[in-house]
């Protein structure tokens, strides 16, 4: 009898298993790890630790350089450790999406493959940043690819999320998409400012170099579009609560990002944690806008069952 009960319990556990939910959690964990990776990468850069490990992929020819370990070596070493973890998770993502492909939409394995490709490319760029002695274009491409990995994972996560469309988002998805493009461009310009140490050479409004000037000017359109998105989301009747919350979070992150950016500029990038927070909040803002855009696009295609529910209400 006990054996029969145990078998029934195991059968119920198997029947309750949902590949979509499991894969979605896997993707979210990867996205969080990628955000942490970018924050650590920013800390590595501002602490001048990019070449703390003179070789690649090992560090001083070791998996764990215990004898050479200090703060700078630890940052670079931990950055590589987190990147390796993401690489293994990307391989696992492809494996799981292929294993459960009968229970998933056709786009899932292809998107998982894209994530793996971007992660591998990111790793190659990471190696080149060391072997090419922190060449600014490679460092910027390294950041840009990390942001693409982050965005792709968020798109995948939001597409795997169960959602009942209401058909009230309208053109908000287009505004969200424009905000994504502008914030991504701002992130790349910010990375370029950091990789070329342009801000250290261009303080004073009359002496701003073109890179810093472009980054500062780009604040205006990017901020206006995010503010417009938030205002329209607040004013759109019957908008899904999740979308409204995401627009509010994006607005809050924008305000925080502007404060951090102003403080970073005024303090001449001398406060390292402030600079790291500036980049991390920028990535979080981009991620929030990605989530809003994907969900608002899904909201544009309400199901028949949802429309009947709305009509009866």
Protein backbone atom coordinates (compact mmCIF):
# COMPACT_ATOMS: atom_id res chain seq x y z
CA UNK A 1 0.00 0.00 0.00
CA UNK A 2 2.81 2.39 0.89
CA UNK A 3 4.58 1.55 -2.36
CA UNK A 4 1.37 2.25 -4.30
CA UNK A 5 0.94 5.64 -2.58
CA UNK A 6 4.54 6.59 -3.35
CA UNK A 7 4.08 5.65 -7.01
CA UNK A 8 0.90 7.73 -7.18
CA UNK A 9 2.69 10.71 -5.59
CA UNK A 10 5.52 10.46 -8.13
CA UNK A 11 3.05 10.20 -10.99
CA UNK A 12 1.26 13.33 -9.77
CA UNK A 13 4.58 15.18 -9.55
CA UNK A 14 5.41 14.20 -13.15
CA UNK A 15 1.96 15.19 -14.39
CA UNK A 16 2.27 18.58 -12.64
CA UNK A 17 5.64 19.30 -14.27
CA UNK A 18 5.43 22.24 -16.68
CA UNK A 19 8.40 22.59 -19.10
CA UNK A 20 7.40 26.17 -19.99
CA UNK A 21 7.42 27.27 -16.36
CA UNK A 22 10.74 25.51 -15.68
CA UNK A 23 12.36 27.01 -18.77
CA UNK A 24 11.01 30.45 -17.89
CA UNK A 25 12.63 30.30 -14.46
CA UNK A 26 15.88 29.18 -16.09
CA UNK A 27 15.77 32.21 -18.42
CA UNK A 28 15.07 34.65 -15.56
CA UNK A 29 18.02 33.28 -13.60
CA UNK A 30 20.23 33.79 -16.65
CA UNK A 31 18.96 37.36 -17.05
CA UNK A 32 19.76 38.16 -13.40
CA UNK A 33 23.23 36.61 -13.78
CA UNK A 34 23.81 38.72 -16.90
CA UNK A 35 22.79 41.91 -15.09
CA UNK A 36 25.22 41.03 -12.28
CA UNK A 37 27.89 40.28 -14.89
CA UNK A 38 27.51 43.75 -16.40
CA UNK A 39 27.68 45.38 -12.96
CA UNK A 40 30.87 43.46 -12.14
CA UNK A 41 32.28 44.37 -15.55
CA UNK A 42 31.61 48.02 -14.83
CA UNK A 43 33.32 47.70 -11.45
CA UNK A 44 36.27 46.00 -13.15
CA UNK A 45 36.61 48.89 -15.56
CA UNK A 46 36.33 51.74 -13.06
CA UNK A 47 38.77 50.01 -10.69
CA UNK A 48 41.31 49.65 -13.53
CA UNK A 49 41.16 45.87 -13.12
CA UNK A 50 40.58 44.98 -16.78
CA UNK A 51 44.12 43.63 -17.10
CA UNK A 52 44.48 42.38 -13.53
CA UNK A 53 44.62 38.89 -15.04
CA UNK A 54 47.26 39.25 -17.78
CA UNK A 55 46.30 36.03 -19.58
CA UNK A 56 43.05 34.47 -20.82
CA UNK A 57 41.02 32.34 -20.22
CA UNK A 58 42.99 31.41 -17.08
CA UNK A 59 44.27 33.98 -14.58
CA UNK A 60 48.02 33.81 -14.03
CA UNK A 61 47.80 30.37 -15.59
CA UNK A 62 45.47 29.11 -12.83
CA UNK A 63 41.78 28.52 -12.30
CA UNK A 64 42.02 30.29 -8.94
CA UNK A 65 45.04 32.62 -8.60
CA UNK A 66 45.19 32.43 -4.81
CA UNK A 67 48.73 33.81 -4.48
CA UNK A 68 48.08 36.88 -6.67
CA UNK A 69 44.57 37.53 -5.29
CA UNK A 70 43.73 41.13 -4.40
CA UNK A 71 40.67 43.31 -5.05
CA UNK A 72 41.50 43.99 -8.70
CA UNK A 73 42.39 40.38 -9.48
CA UNK A 74 39.27 39.20 -7.66
CA UNK A 75 37.02 41.49 -9.72
CA UNK A 76 38.43 40.29 -13.04
CA UNK A 77 38.49 36.66 -11.90
CA UNK A 78 34.91 36.78 -10.57
CA UNK A 79 33.78 38.51 -13.76
CA UNK A 80 35.11 35.56 -15.77
CA UNK A 81 33.57 33.09 -13.32
CA UNK A 82 30.12 34.64 -13.74
CA UNK A 83 30.59 34.68 -17.54
CA UNK A 84 31.49 30.98 -17.46
CA UNK A 85 28.37 30.23 -15.43
CA UNK A 86 26.22 32.06 -17.98
CA UNK A 87 27.91 30.10 -20.76
CA UNK A 88 27.06 26.79 -19.09
CA UNK A 89 23.49 27.95 -18.51
CA UNK A 90 23.20 28.96 -22.18
CA UNK A 91 24.24 25.44 -23.21
CA UNK A 92 21.70 24.05 -20.75
CA UNK A 93 19.03 26.36 -22.19
CA UNK A 94 19.57 24.98 -25.69
CA UNK A 95 19.59 21.40 -24.39
CA UNK A 96 16.35 21.82 -22.43
CA UNK A 97 14.56 23.66 -25.24
CA UNK A 98 15.44 20.82 -27.64
CA UNK A 99 14.52 18.13 -25.14
CA UNK A 100 11.11 19.66 -24.47
CA UNK A 101 10.50 21.03 -27.97
CA UNK A 102 7.25 19.05 -28.28
CA UNK A 103 5.80 21.08 -25.39
CA UNK A 104 7.19 24.45 -26.54
CA UNK A 105 6.46 26.88 -29.36
CA UNK A 106 8.72 26.55 -32.38
CA UNK A 107 10.50 29.84 -31.75
CA UNK A 108 11.87 28.75 -28.35
CA UNK A 109 14.77 26.48 -29.52
CA UNK A 110 15.80 29.03 -32.14
CA UNK A 111 15.87 31.82 -29.57
CA UNK A 112 17.83 29.62 -27.18
CA UNK A 113 20.33 29.04 -29.99
CA UNK A 114 20.59 32.80 -30.53
CA UNK A 115 21.30 33.28 -26.83
CA UNK A 116 24.08 30.68 -26.97
CA UNK A 117 25.59 32.32 -30.06
CA UNK A 118 25.59 35.75 -28.39
CA UNK A 119 27.11 34.33 -25.21
CA UNK A 120 29.90 32.63 -27.16
CA UNK A 121 30.53 35.83 -29.12
CA UNK A 122 30.56 37.72 -25.84
CA UNK A 123 33.20 35.34 -24.53
CA UNK A 124 35.36 35.86 -27.60
CA UNK A 125 35.12 39.63 -27.15
CA UNK A 126 36.01 39.18 -23.48
CA UNK A 127 39.19 37.39 -24.46
CA UNK A 128 40.03 40.05 -27.03
CA UNK A 129 39.65 42.83 -24.44
CA UNK A 130 42.58 41.23 -22.59
CA UNK A 131 44.75 40.19 -25.51
CA UNK A 132 44.22 43.54 -27.26
CA UNK A 133 44.94 45.49 -24.06
CA UNK A 134 41.48 47.01 -23.54
CA UNK A 135 41.02 48.47 -27.02
CA UNK A 136 38.10 50.87 -26.69
CA UNK A 137 36.09 49.53 -29.65
CA UNK A 138 36.33 45.95 -28.40
CA UNK A 139 35.41 46.99 -24.85
CA UNK A 140 32.36 48.86 -26.16
CA UNK A 141 31.32 45.92 -28.35
CA UNK A 142 31.75 43.69 -25.29
CA UNK A 143 29.23 45.81 -23.38
CA UNK A 144 26.88 46.06 -26.37
CA UNK A 145 26.80 42.28 -26.77
CA UNK A 146 26.16 41.78 -23.05
CA UNK A 147 23.17 44.11 -23.34
CA UNK A 148 21.92 42.11 -26.34
CA UNK A 149 22.19 38.88 -24.34
CA UNK A 150 20.29 40.54 -21.49
CA UNK A 151 17.57 41.87 -23.80
CA UNK A 152 17.17 38.57 -25.67
CA UNK A 153 16.73 36.70 -22.40
CA UNK A 154 14.10 39.20 -21.23
CA UNK A 155 12.22 38.91 -24.52
CA UNK A 156 12.27 35.13 -24.14
CA UNK A 157 11.14 35.34 -20.52
CA UNK A 158 8.26 37.68 -21.30
CA UNK A 159 7.13 35.55 -24.25
CA UNK A 160 7.06 32.46 -22.01
CA UNK A 161 5.03 34.31 -19.38
CA UNK A 162 1.29 33.47 -19.29
CA UNK A 163 -0.63 36.59 -20.21
CA UNK A 164 -4.25 37.43 -21.03
CA UNK A 165 -4.26 40.21 -23.62
CA UNK A 166 -6.83 42.98 -23.29
CA UNK A 167 -6.16 44.90 -26.49
CA UNK A 168 -5.80 48.27 -24.76
CA UNK A 169 -2.07 48.98 -25.25
CA UNK A 170 -2.54 50.49 -28.73
CA UNK A 171 0.54 52.33 -29.95
CA UNK A 172 2.34 52.10 -26.62
CA UNK A 173 4.40 49.20 -27.98
CA UNK A 174 5.86 51.44 -30.69
CA UNK A 175 6.77 54.12 -28.18
CA UNK A 176 8.29 51.46 -25.94
CA UNK A 177 10.31 50.14 -28.87
CA UNK A 178 11.62 53.62 -29.65
CA UNK A 179 12.58 54.07 -26.00
CA UNK A 180 14.46 50.75 -26.11
CA UNK A 181 16.48 51.87 -29.14
CA UNK A 182 17.34 55.25 -27.61
CA UNK A 183 18.31 53.84 -24.20
CA UNK A 184 20.41 51.12 -25.85
CA UNK A 185 22.22 53.77 -27.90
CA UNK A 186 22.77 55.82 -24.73
CA UNK A 187 24.20 52.75 -23.00
CA UNK A 188 26.65 52.21 -25.86
CA UNK A 189 27.68 55.88 -25.80
CA UNK A 190 28.14 55.66 -22.04
CA UNK A 191 30.29 52.57 -22.52
CA UNK A 192 32.32 54.40 -25.14
CA UNK A 193 32.83 57.33 -22.78
CA UNK A 194 34.15 54.92 -20.17
CA UNK A 195 36.31 52.80 -22.47
CA UNK A 196 38.03 55.87 -23.93
CA UNK A 197 38.21 57.64 -20.57
CA UNK A 198 36.72 60.55 -22.46
CA UNK A 199 35.03 62.06 -19.44
CA UNK A 200 38.38 62.51 -17.71
CA UNK A 201 39.59 64.64 -20.62
CA UNK A 202 36.48 66.65 -21.43
CA UNK A 203 35.18 68.34 -18.29
CA UNK A 204 33.92 71.86 -18.71
CA UNK A 205 31.17 72.73 -21.19
CA UNK A 206 33.58 74.51 -23.54
CA UNK A 207 35.92 71.53 -23.69
CA UNK A 208 33.57 68.59 -24.11
CA UNK A 209 34.82 66.04 -26.63
CA UNK A 210 32.45 64.68 -29.25
CA UNK A 211 31.84 61.37 -27.44
CA UNK A 212 30.84 62.97 -24.14
CA UNK A 213 28.87 65.63 -25.98
CA UNK A 214 26.91 62.99 -27.90
CA UNK A 215 26.16 61.11 -24.69
CA UNK A 216 24.94 64.26 -22.94
CA UNK A 217 22.82 65.36 -25.90
CA UNK A 218 21.32 61.88 -26.18
CA UNK A 219 19.87 62.25 -22.71
CA UNK A 220 17.19 64.64 -24.00
CA UNK A 221 15.37 62.47 -26.59
CA UNK A 222 15.78 59.28 -24.56
CA UNK A 223 14.34 60.91 -21.43
CA UNK A 224 11.46 62.56 -23.29
CA UNK A 225 10.37 59.28 -24.88
CA UNK A 226 10.43 57.42 -21.56
CA UNK A 227 8.44 60.24 -19.90
CA UNK A 228 5.95 60.20 -22.80
CA UNK A 229 5.57 56.44 -22.44
CA UNK A 230 4.87 56.74 -18.72
CA UNK A 231 2.34 59.56 -19.16
CA UNK A 232 0.44 57.74 -21.91
CA UNK A 233 0.45 54.52 -19.89
CA UNK A 234 -1.02 56.36 -16.90
CA UNK A 235 -3.67 57.99 -19.12
CA UNK A 236 -4.65 54.88 -21.11
CA UNK A 237 -8.02 53.57 -19.88
CA UNK A 238 -8.25 49.92 -18.80
CA UNK A 239 -4.54 49.33 -19.43
CA UNK A 240 -3.31 46.11 -17.88
CA UNK A 241 -1.96 46.67 -14.39
CA UNK A 242 1.33 44.96 -15.17
CA UNK A 243 1.97 47.31 -18.09
CA UNK A 244 1.08 50.34 -15.99
CA UNK A 245 3.44 49.16 -13.24
CA UNK A 246 6.27 48.59 -15.71
CA UNK A 247 5.83 52.10 -17.13
CA UNK A 248 5.93 53.52 -13.60
CA UNK A 249 9.09 51.54 -12.79
CA UNK A 250 10.70 52.77 -16.01
CA UNK A 251 9.93 56.36 -15.07
CA UNK A 252 11.37 55.86 -11.58
CA UNK A 253 14.52 54.27 -12.97
CA UNK A 254 14.89 57.16 -15.42
CA UNK A 255 14.75 59.71 -12.60
CA UNK A 256 17.29 57.71 -10.59
CA UNK A 257 19.52 57.35 -13.65
CA UNK A 258 19.48 61.09 -14.30
CA UNK A 259 20.40 61.79 -10.67
CA UNK A 260 23.24 59.24 -10.77
CA UNK A 261 24.48 60.59 -14.10
CA UNK A 262 24.53 64.16 -12.86
CA UNK A 263 26.32 63.15 -9.65
CA UNK A 264 28.83 61.04 -11.59
CA UNK A 265 29.63 63.94 -13.91
CA UNK A 266 29.89 66.50 -11.13
CA UNK A 267 32.16 64.26 -9.06
CA UNK A 268 34.38 63.63 -12.10
CA UNK A 269 33.91 59.83 -11.96
CA UNK A 270 35.98 59.66 -8.77
CA UNK A 271 33.36 57.70 -6.78
CA UNK A 272 33.54 54.19 -8.23
CA UNK A 273 30.33 52.76 -6.68
CA UNK A 274 28.39 55.70 -8.12
CA UNK A 275 29.67 54.96 -11.63
CA UNK A 276 28.84 51.25 -11.27
CA UNK A 277 25.31 52.08 -10.08
CA UNK A 278 24.88 54.45 -13.03
CA UNK A 279 25.54 51.66 -15.52
CA UNK A 280 23.55 49.05 -13.57
CA UNK A 281 20.48 51.29 -13.35
CA UNK A 282 20.80 52.05 -17.07
CA UNK A 283 20.75 48.32 -17.83
CA UNK A 284 17.76 47.86 -15.51
CA UNK A 285 15.93 50.69 -17.29
CA UNK A 286 16.63 49.10 -20.66
CA UNK A 287 15.41 45.74 -19.35
CA UNK A 288 12.20 47.25 -17.99
CA UNK A 289 11.48 48.90 -21.33
CA UNK A 290 12.12 45.60 -23.12
CA UNK A 291 9.62 43.85 -20.83
CA UNK A 292 7.05 46.62 -21.38
CA UNK A 293 7.47 46.54 -25.16
CA UNK A 294 7.13 42.77 -25.45
CA UNK A 295 4.11 42.63 -23.16
CA UNK A 296 2.41 45.58 -24.89
CA UNK A 297 2.93 43.85 -28.26
CA UNK A 298 1.30 40.75 -26.85
CA UNK A 299 -1.52 42.92 -25.54
CA UNK A 300 -2.28 44.02 -29.09
CA UNK A 301 -3.53 40.52 -29.89
CA UNK A 302 -6.31 39.69 -27.42
CA UNK A 303 -7.74 36.18 -27.34
CA UNK A 304 -11.37 35.57 -28.28
CA UNK A 305 -12.10 34.32 -24.77
CA UNK A 306 -10.71 37.52 -23.28
CA UNK A 307 -12.75 39.69 -25.64
CA UNK A 308 -15.94 37.84 -24.64
CA UNK A 309 -15.11 38.36 -20.97
CA UNK A 310 -14.55 42.10 -21.56
CA UNK A 311 -17.80 42.40 -23.52
CA UNK A 312 -19.84 40.65 -20.81
CA UNK A 313 -18.30 42.88 -18.17
